[in-house]
């Protein structure tokens, strides 16, 4: 599949990090089998303008799927966070998104800028709660909820009586995190994208920090 250069996100994409600050591994500073960028006197040059693209050259990202869930579940560390950039987010002129293969994307600079300015940061536990178990955060009630088959809301924090304290059993439906994942899966099927098991196989080989043969997460 040819490499594509995108300027908005086709799906909600996620980036795993061992801690809140995202740190790209520079092969020039430290030689290792697994790296993210190769700097030239401290500067990372955009590779998207070259005739023949060859990564890695940025922050690896993936959409919701079996591969991404497996990565989050097995990513090792005490302070793991997951950055989220919503579907259809337009990228500033400083960034370009490269679709390298299957479900693997790479967020790369066209010039220097921070990454966290345009992203949402989850802890590992929060991400799994939302995207594996289907909970959505309500800012109004400061609690997670999820929809039941009858259209009612189940709240995660309950009082001793077992009922949701001062929280409605019905809410107007809005965009929910779980729906984002479903929309991606539906799109992938319509567009004939490779199955998630293939992405999972690549993830296990290429994305885990413990791998000794990787080139980048």
C-alpha atoms as a PDB file:
ATOM      1  CA  UNK A   1       0.000   0.000   0.000  1.00  0.00           C
ATOM      2  CA  UNK A   2       1.455   3.404  -0.947  1.00  0.00           C
ATOM      3  CA  UNK A   3       2.268   5.883   1.804  1.00  0.00           C
ATOM      4  CA  UNK A   4      -0.324   8.660   2.205  1.00  0.00           C
ATOM      5  CA  UNK A   5       0.219  12.156   3.593  1.00  0.00           C
ATOM      6  CA  UNK A   6      -2.803  13.565   5.449  1.00  0.00           C
ATOM      7  CA  UNK A   7      -3.611  16.968   6.930  1.00  0.00           C
ATOM      8  CA  UNK A   8      -6.544  15.946   9.111  1.00  0.00           C
ATOM      9  CA  UNK A   9      -7.234  12.788  11.113  1.00  0.00           C
ATOM     10  CA  UNK A  10      -9.289  10.122   9.300  1.00  0.00           C
ATOM     11  CA  UNK A  11      -9.985   8.426  12.655  1.00  0.00           C
ATOM     12  CA  UNK A  12      -9.467   9.108  16.353  1.00  0.00           C
ATOM     13  CA  UNK A  13      -5.818   8.182  16.903  1.00  0.00           C
ATOM     14  CA  UNK A  14      -3.896   7.288  20.051  1.00  0.00           C
ATOM     15  CA  UNK A  15      -0.285   7.581  21.157  1.00  0.00           C
ATOM     16  CA  UNK A  16       1.165   5.569  24.047  1.00  0.00           C
ATOM     17  CA  UNK A  17       3.794   7.115  26.284  1.00  0.00           C
ATOM     18  CA  UNK A  18       5.652   5.837  29.334  1.00  0.00           C
ATOM     19  CA  UNK A  19       4.978   9.172  31.064  1.00  0.00           C
ATOM     20  CA  UNK A  20       3.084  12.435  30.509  1.00  0.00           C
ATOM     21  CA  UNK A  21       5.877  14.068  28.534  1.00  0.00           C
ATOM     22  CA  UNK A  22       6.214  12.536  25.081  1.00  0.00           C
ATOM     23  CA  UNK A  23       9.833  11.763  24.290  1.00  0.00           C
ATOM     24  CA  UNK A  24      10.843  10.600  20.831  1.00  0.00           C
ATOM     25  CA  UNK A  25      13.853   8.306  20.769  1.00  0.00           C
ATOM     26  CA  UNK A  26      16.672   9.873  18.758  1.00  0.00           C
ATOM     27  CA  UNK A  27      19.014   7.358  17.144  1.00  0.00           C
ATOM     28  CA  UNK A  28      21.724  10.029  16.844  1.00  0.00           C
ATOM     29  CA  UNK A  29      21.821  10.593  20.609  1.00  0.00           C
ATOM     30  CA  UNK A  30      21.644   6.936  21.560  1.00  0.00           C
ATOM     31  CA  UNK A  31      22.218   4.031  19.213  1.00  0.00           C
ATOM     32  CA  UNK A  32      19.527   1.379  19.649  1.00  0.00           C
ATOM     33  CA  UNK A  33      17.492  -1.045  17.534  1.00  0.00           C
ATOM     34  CA  UNK A  34      14.248   0.809  18.329  1.00  0.00           C
ATOM     35  CA  UNK A  35      13.985   4.547  17.609  1.00  0.00           C
ATOM     36  CA  UNK A  36      11.581   7.275  16.429  1.00  0.00           C
ATOM     37  CA  UNK A  37      13.722   9.913  14.689  1.00  0.00           C
ATOM     38  CA  UNK A  38      17.241  10.581  13.406  1.00  0.00           C
ATOM     39  CA  UNK A  39      18.344  14.154  14.088  1.00  0.00           C
ATOM     40  CA  UNK A  40      20.901  16.230  12.218  1.00  0.00           C
ATOM     41  CA  UNK A  41      22.767  18.487  14.652  1.00  0.00           C
ATOM     42  CA  UNK A  42      19.696  18.515  16.880  1.00  0.00           C
ATOM     43  CA  UNK A  43      17.228  19.166  14.039  1.00  0.00           C
ATOM     44  CA  UNK A  44      14.729  16.616  12.724  1.00  0.00           C
ATOM     45  CA  UNK A  45      14.129  17.256   9.028  1.00  0.00           C
ATOM     46  CA  UNK A  46      10.727  16.469   7.486  1.00  0.00           C
ATOM     47  CA  UNK A  47      10.954  13.380   5.287  1.00  0.00           C
ATOM     48  CA  UNK A  48       7.575  13.912   3.654  1.00  0.00           C
ATOM     49  CA  UNK A  49       9.092  16.255   1.072  1.00  0.00           C
ATOM     50  CA  UNK A  50      11.560  13.671  -0.197  1.00  0.00           C
ATOM     51  CA  UNK A  51      10.798  11.609  -3.288  1.00  0.00           C
ATOM     52  CA  UNK A  52      11.319   8.298  -1.488  1.00  0.00           C
ATOM     53  CA  UNK A  53       9.823   8.167   1.987  1.00  0.00           C
ATOM     54  CA  UNK A  54      11.411   5.899   4.598  1.00  0.00           C
ATOM     55  CA  UNK A  55      10.423   6.077   8.272  1.00  0.00           C
ATOM     56  CA  UNK A  56      10.423   6.248  11.165  1.00  0.00           C
ATOM     57  CA  UNK A  57      10.416  10.013  11.574  1.00  0.00           C
ATOM     58  CA  UNK A  58       7.845  10.886  14.223  1.00  0.00           C
ATOM     59  CA  UNK A  59       5.314   9.735  16.807  1.00  0.00           C
ATOM     60  CA  UNK A  60       3.625   6.427  15.984  1.00  0.00           C
ATOM     61  CA  UNK A  61      -0.160   6.399  16.409  1.00  0.00           C
ATOM     62  CA  UNK A  62      -2.959   3.888  15.933  1.00  0.00           C
ATOM     63  CA  UNK A  63      -6.773   3.961  15.836  1.00  0.00           C
ATOM     64  CA  UNK A  64      -8.971   1.981  18.208  1.00  0.00           C
ATOM     65  CA  UNK A  65      -8.807  -1.734  17.469  1.00  0.00           C
ATOM     66  CA  UNK A  66      -7.567  -5.036  18.844  1.00  0.00           C
ATOM     67  CA  UNK A  67      -3.945  -4.061  18.194  1.00  0.00           C
ATOM     68  CA  UNK A  68      -4.258  -0.764  20.092  1.00  0.00           C
ATOM     69  CA  UNK A  69      -6.088  -2.359  23.026  1.00  0.00           C
ATOM     70  CA  UNK A  70      -3.422  -5.070  23.230  1.00  0.00           C
ATOM     71  CA  UNK A  71      -0.687  -2.439  23.204  1.00  0.00           C
ATOM     72  CA  UNK A  72      -2.284  -0.507  26.070  1.00  0.00           C
ATOM     73  CA  UNK A  73      -2.879  -3.659  28.111  1.00  0.00           C
ATOM     74  CA  UNK A  74       0.706  -4.864  27.721  1.00  0.00           C
ATOM     75  CA  UNK A  75       2.613  -1.567  27.741  1.00  0.00           C
ATOM     76  CA  UNK A  76       4.891  -1.631  30.766  1.00  0.00           C
ATOM     77  CA  UNK A  77       5.433   1.255  33.173  1.00  0.00           C
ATOM     78  CA  UNK A  78       4.057   2.857  36.325  1.00  0.00           C
ATOM     79  CA  UNK A  79       3.022   6.182  34.738  1.00  0.00           C
ATOM     80  CA  UNK A  80       1.752   5.129  31.301  1.00  0.00           C
ATOM     81  CA  UNK A  81      -0.554   7.638  29.577  1.00  0.00           C
ATOM     82  CA  UNK A  82      -2.445   7.534  26.276  1.00  0.00           C
ATOM     83  CA  UNK A  83      -2.766  10.648  24.146  1.00  0.00           C
ATOM     84  CA  UNK A  84      -5.919  10.990  22.047  1.00  0.00           C
ATOM     85  CA  UNK A  85      -6.443  13.196  18.983  1.00  0.00           C
ATOM     86  CA  UNK A  86     -10.080  13.185  17.783  1.00  0.00           C
ATOM     87  CA  UNK A  87     -11.260  12.164  14.336  1.00  0.00           C
ATOM     88  CA  UNK A  88     -11.442  15.008  11.756  1.00  0.00           C
ATOM     89  CA  UNK A  89      -9.030  17.183  13.745  1.00  0.00           C
ATOM     90  CA  UNK A  90      -7.311  19.421  11.187  1.00  0.00           C
ATOM     91  CA  UNK A  91      -3.564  19.519  11.605  1.00  0.00           C
ATOM     92  CA  UNK A  92      -1.763  22.850  11.820  1.00  0.00           C
ATOM     93  CA  UNK A  93       0.691  23.629   9.012  1.00  0.00           C
ATOM     94  CA  UNK A  94       3.508  22.523  11.338  1.00  0.00           C
ATOM     95  CA  UNK A  95       2.332  18.870  11.257  1.00  0.00           C
ATOM     96  CA  UNK A  96       1.583  16.141   8.752  1.00  0.00           C
ATOM     97  CA  UNK A  97       0.099  12.693   9.361  1.00  0.00           C
ATOM     98  CA  UNK A  98       1.711   9.854   7.417  1.00  0.00           C
ATOM     99  CA  UNK A  99      -0.287   6.648   6.862  1.00  0.00           C
ATOM    100  CA  UNK A 100       2.594   4.197   6.615  1.00  0.00           C
ATOM    101  CA  UNK A 101       0.838   0.800   6.531  1.00  0.00           C
ATOM    102  CA  UNK A 102      -2.284  -1.037   7.747  1.00  0.00           C
ATOM    103  CA  UNK A 103      -3.478   0.707  10.953  1.00  0.00           C
ATOM    104  CA  UNK A 104      -0.149   2.451  11.615  1.00  0.00           C
ATOM    105  CA  UNK A 105       0.109   6.241  11.354  1.00  0.00           C
ATOM    106  CA  UNK A 106       2.979   8.589  12.139  1.00  0.00           C
ATOM    107  CA  UNK A 107       2.520  12.181  13.303  1.00  0.00           C
ATOM    108  CA  UNK A 108       5.468  14.117  11.944  1.00  0.00           C
ATOM    109  CA  UNK A 109       6.636  17.728  11.988  1.00  0.00           C
ATOM    110  CA  UNK A 110       7.050  19.947   8.991  1.00  0.00           C
ATOM    111  CA  UNK A 111       8.751  22.327  11.433  1.00  0.00           C
ATOM    112  CA  UNK A 112       9.301  22.463  15.193  1.00  0.00           C
ATOM    113  CA  UNK A 113       6.275  22.524  17.502  1.00  0.00           C
ATOM    114  CA  UNK A 114       4.858  20.813  20.619  1.00  0.00           C
ATOM    115  CA  UNK A 115       2.646  17.746  20.306  1.00  0.00           C
ATOM    116  CA  UNK A 116       0.563  17.979  23.498  1.00  0.00           C
ATOM    117  CA  UNK A 117      -0.988  21.292  22.391  1.00  0.00           C
ATOM    118  CA  UNK A 118      -3.481  19.423  20.185  1.00  0.00           C
ATOM    119  CA  UNK A 119      -4.054  16.232  22.156  1.00  0.00           C
ATOM    120  CA  UNK A 120      -5.847  14.688  25.125  1.00  0.00           C
ATOM    121  CA  UNK A 121      -3.886  12.769  27.757  1.00  0.00           C
ATOM    122  CA  UNK A 122      -5.279   9.665  29.527  1.00  0.00           C
ATOM    123  CA  UNK A 123      -3.696   7.487  32.153  1.00  0.00           C
ATOM    124  CA  UNK A 124      -3.453   3.822  31.161  1.00  0.00           C
ATOM    125  CA  UNK A 125      -6.317   2.955  33.526  1.00  0.00           C
ATOM    126  CA  UNK A 126      -8.546   5.764  32.168  1.00  0.00           C
ATOM    127  CA  UNK A 127      -8.000   4.725  28.555  1.00  0.00           C
ATOM    128  CA  UNK A 128      -8.883   1.073  29.205  1.00  0.00           C
ATOM    129  CA  UNK A 129     -11.921   2.161  31.234  1.00  0.00           C
ATOM    130  CA  UNK A 130     -13.240   4.268  28.353  1.00  0.00           C
ATOM    131  CA  UNK A 131     -12.272   2.294  25.281  1.00  0.00           C
ATOM    132  CA  UNK A 132     -12.377  -1.309  26.526  1.00  0.00           C
ATOM    133  CA  UNK A 133     -15.289  -1.079  28.980  1.00  0.00           C
ATOM    134  CA  UNK A 134     -17.335   1.611  27.229  1.00  0.00           C
ATOM    135  CA  UNK A 135     -17.490   4.311  29.924  1.00  0.00           C
ATOM    136  CA  UNK A 136     -17.787   8.024  29.051  1.00  0.00           C
ATOM    137  CA  UNK A 137     -16.781  10.902  31.330  1.00  0.00           C
ATOM    138  CA  UNK A 138     -19.486  13.426  32.284  1.00  0.00           C
ATOM    139  CA  UNK A 139     -17.993  16.784  33.179  1.00  0.00           C
ATOM    140  CA  UNK A 140     -21.350  17.958  34.583  1.00  0.00           C
ATOM    141  CA  UNK A 141     -21.621  15.102  37.110  1.00  0.00           C
ATOM    142  CA  UNK A 142     -17.884  14.350  37.522  1.00  0.00           C
ATOM    143  CA  UNK A 143     -18.418  10.639  36.952  1.00  0.00           C
ATOM    144  CA  UNK A 144     -18.242   7.988  34.226  1.00  0.00           C
ATOM    145  CA  UNK A 145     -21.449   6.631  32.698  1.00  0.00           C
ATOM    146  CA  UNK A 146     -22.418   4.188  29.962  1.00  0.00           C
ATOM    147  CA  UNK A 147     -25.609   3.426  28.090  1.00  0.00           C
ATOM    148  CA  UNK A 148     -27.807   0.407  28.820  1.00  0.00           C
ATOM    149  CA  UNK A 149     -29.889  -1.452  26.227  1.00  0.00           C
ATOM    150  CA  UNK A 150     -33.056   0.275  27.477  1.00  0.00           C
ATOM    151  CA  UNK A 151     -31.493   3.718  26.912  1.00  0.00           C
ATOM    152  CA  UNK A 152     -30.822   4.438  30.590  1.00  0.00           C
ATOM    153  CA  UNK A 153     -27.479   5.493  32.054  1.00  0.00           C
ATOM    154  CA  UNK A 154     -25.350   3.398  34.359  1.00  0.00           C
ATOM    155  CA  UNK A 155     -23.102   5.529  36.574  1.00  0.00           C
ATOM    156  CA  UNK A 156     -19.799   4.128  37.772  1.00  0.00           C
ATOM    157  CA  UNK A 157     -19.793   5.738  41.230  1.00  0.00           C
ATOM    158  CA  UNK A 158     -22.819   4.785  43.309  1.00  0.00           C
ATOM    159  CA  UNK A 159     -23.865   5.530  46.852  1.00  0.00           C
ATOM    160  CA  UNK A 160     -24.166   2.862  49.522  1.00  0.00           C
ATOM    161  CA  UNK A 161     -27.753   2.142  48.537  1.00  0.00           C
ATOM    162  CA  UNK A 162     -26.658   1.073  45.093  1.00  0.00           C
ATOM    163  CA  UNK A 163     -28.296   3.990  43.293  1.00  0.00           C
ATOM    164  CA  UNK A 164     -26.528   6.758  41.397  1.00  0.00           C
ATOM    165  CA  UNK A 165     -26.500   9.738  43.734  1.00  0.00           C
ATOM    166  CA  UNK A 166     -28.175  12.859  42.279  1.00  0.00           C
ATOM    167  CA  UNK A 167     -27.546  11.628  38.738  1.00  0.00           C
ATOM    168  CA  UNK A 168     -30.235  11.209  36.086  1.00  0.00           C
ATOM    169  CA  UNK A 169     -31.039   7.802  34.667  1.00  0.00           C
ATOM    170  CA  UNK A 170     -31.616   9.415  31.268  1.00  0.00           C
ATOM    171  CA  UNK A 171     -29.286  11.737  29.379  1.00  0.00           C
ATOM    172  CA  UNK A 172     -29.353  13.223  25.925  1.00  0.00           C
ATOM    173  CA  UNK A 173     -26.954  11.232  23.826  1.00  0.00           C
ATOM    174  CA  UNK A 174     -23.941  13.088  22.514  1.00  0.00           C
ATOM    175  CA  UNK A 175     -20.685  12.002  20.901  1.00  0.00           C
ATOM    176  CA  UNK A 176     -19.282   9.223  23.058  1.00  0.00           C
ATOM    177  CA  UNK A 177     -15.824   7.731  23.139  1.00  0.00           C
ATOM    178  CA  UNK A 178     -17.123   4.239  22.473  1.00  0.00           C
ATOM    179  CA  UNK A 179     -18.946   5.460  19.368  1.00  0.00           C
ATOM    180  CA  UNK A 180     -15.697   6.806  17.981  1.00  0.00           C
ATOM    181  CA  UNK A 181     -14.221   3.338  18.088  1.00  0.00           C
ATOM    182  CA  UNK A 182     -17.243   1.819  16.381  1.00  0.00           C
ATOM    183  CA  UNK A 183     -17.182   4.408  13.622  1.00  0.00           C
ATOM    184  CA  UNK A 184     -13.553   3.585  12.933  1.00  0.00           C
ATOM    185  CA  UNK A 185     -14.266  -0.136  12.748  1.00  0.00           C
ATOM    186  CA  UNK A 186     -17.211   0.454  10.401  1.00  0.00           C
ATOM    187  CA  UNK A 187     -15.098   2.682   8.169  1.00  0.00           C
ATOM    188  CA  UNK A 188     -12.304   0.153   8.091  1.00  0.00           C
ATOM    189  CA  UNK A 189     -14.676  -2.579   6.943  1.00  0.00           C
ATOM    190  CA  UNK A 190     -16.215  -0.363   4.258  1.00  0.00           C
ATOM    191  CA  UNK A 191     -12.835   0.706   2.943  1.00  0.00           C
ATOM    192  CA  UNK A 192     -11.542  -2.863   2.876  1.00  0.00           C
ATOM    193  CA  UNK A 193      -8.742  -2.228   5.343  1.00  0.00           C
ATOM    194  CA  UNK A 194      -6.696  -5.183   6.660  1.00  0.00           C
ATOM    195  CA  UNK A 195      -8.059  -7.060   9.646  1.00  0.00           C
ATOM    196  CA  UNK A 196      -7.056  -6.017  13.152  1.00  0.00           C
ATOM    197  CA  UNK A 197      -5.306  -9.337  13.720  1.00  0.00           C
ATOM    198  CA  UNK A 198      -2.739  -8.321  11.125  1.00  0.00           C
ATOM    199  CA  UNK A 199      -2.308  -5.012  12.872  1.00  0.00           C
ATOM    200  CA  UNK A 200      -1.963  -6.844  16.165  1.00  0.00           C
ATOM    201  CA  UNK A 201       0.775  -9.023  14.722  1.00  0.00           C
ATOM    202  CA  UNK A 202       2.651  -5.958  13.540  1.00  0.00           C
ATOM    203  CA  UNK A 203       2.048  -4.255  16.873  1.00  0.00           C
ATOM    204  CA  UNK A 204       3.512  -7.145  18.805  1.00  0.00           C
ATOM    205  CA  UNK A 205       6.609  -7.021  16.639  1.00  0.00           C
ATOM    206  CA  UNK A 206       7.012  -3.301  16.182  1.00  0.00           C
ATOM    207  CA  UNK A 207       5.283  -1.354  18.916  1.00  0.00           C
ATOM    208  CA  UNK A 208       6.193  -2.794  22.298  1.00  0.00           C
ATOM    209  CA  UNK A 209       9.068  -1.026  24.033  1.00  0.00           C
ATOM    210  CA  UNK A 210      10.466  -4.380  25.166  1.00  0.00           C
ATOM    211  CA  UNK A 211      11.061  -5.547  21.589  1.00  0.00           C
ATOM    212  CA  UNK A 212      14.688  -5.691  20.502  1.00  0.00           C
ATOM    213  CA  UNK A 213      13.970  -5.699  16.770  1.00  0.00           C
ATOM    214  CA  UNK A 214      11.650  -2.699  16.524  1.00  0.00           C
ATOM    215  CA  UNK A 215      12.235   0.503  14.645  1.00  0.00           C
ATOM    216  CA  UNK A 216       9.541   2.493  16.433  1.00  0.00           C
ATOM    217  CA  UNK A 217       6.339   2.267  18.385  1.00  0.00           C
END
